[in-house]
């Protein structure tokens, strides 16, 4: 897992906030398909992702 989800401005996003994930695919308009450790997948904005480890 190389990224984490960094938005929490609504109930669904608050549940995903801070969870490690990996990028599965990149789409148009800065969209990303991500997968969390438990196997769930979501389509999110690339702006909502941050790299783990601070680099």
Protein backbone atom coordinates (compact mmCIF):
# COMPACT_ATOMS: atom_id res chain seq x y z
CA UNK A 1 0.00 0.00 0.00
CA UNK A 2 1.61 3.21 -1.16
CA UNK A 3 -1.06 5.85 -0.53
CA UNK A 4 -3.74 6.76 1.98
CA UNK A 5 -7.13 8.42 1.61
CA UNK A 6 -7.03 12.00 2.92
CA UNK A 7 -10.53 13.50 2.60
CA UNK A 8 -13.23 13.31 5.28
CA UNK A 9 -15.83 15.91 4.32
CA UNK A 10 -18.84 13.56 4.33
CA UNK A 11 -19.89 10.34 6.07
CA UNK A 12 -18.62 7.91 3.42
CA UNK A 13 -15.28 9.69 3.03
CA UNK A 14 -14.84 9.89 6.81
CA UNK A 15 -14.99 6.08 6.94
CA UNK A 16 -12.24 5.82 4.29
CA UNK A 17 -10.09 8.59 5.83
CA UNK A 18 -6.55 7.52 6.73
CA UNK A 19 -6.84 3.99 5.34
CA UNK A 20 -3.92 2.71 3.26
CA UNK A 21 -4.73 1.91 -0.36
CA UNK A 22 -3.13 1.27 -3.71
CA UNK A 23 -3.94 2.74 -7.10
CA UNK A 24 -5.37 0.16 -9.51
CA UNK A 25 -6.11 2.44 -12.48
CA UNK A 26 -6.00 6.08 -13.54
CA UNK A 27 -8.95 7.53 -15.37
CA UNK A 28 -9.93 10.79 -17.00
CA UNK A 29 -10.49 14.03 -15.09
CA UNK A 30 -8.00 13.02 -12.36
CA UNK A 31 -10.02 9.97 -11.23
CA UNK A 32 -8.39 6.91 -9.68
CA UNK A 33 -9.60 3.42 -8.93
CA UNK A 34 -8.16 2.44 -5.57
CA UNK A 35 -8.20 -0.74 -3.53
CA UNK A 36 -8.06 -0.85 0.25
CA UNK A 37 -6.42 -3.60 2.33
CA UNK A 38 -9.76 -5.36 2.84
CA UNK A 39 -10.26 -5.64 -0.94
CA UNK A 40 -12.94 -2.97 -1.40
CA UNK A 41 -12.52 -0.76 -4.46
CA UNK A 42 -13.64 2.81 -5.01
CA UNK A 43 -13.40 5.45 -7.74
CA UNK A 44 -12.05 8.66 -6.16
CA UNK A 45 -10.37 11.92 -7.06
CA UNK A 46 -6.61 11.83 -7.34
CA UNK A 47 -6.59 14.96 -5.15
CA UNK A 48 -7.90 12.83 -2.24
CA UNK A 49 -4.81 10.61 -2.15
CA UNK A 50 -1.55 11.20 -0.32
CA UNK A 51 1.65 9.14 -0.41
CA UNK A 52 2.57 7.12 2.66
CA UNK A 53 5.93 7.85 4.25
CA UNK A 54 5.96 11.58 3.59
CA UNK A 55 8.11 11.44 0.42
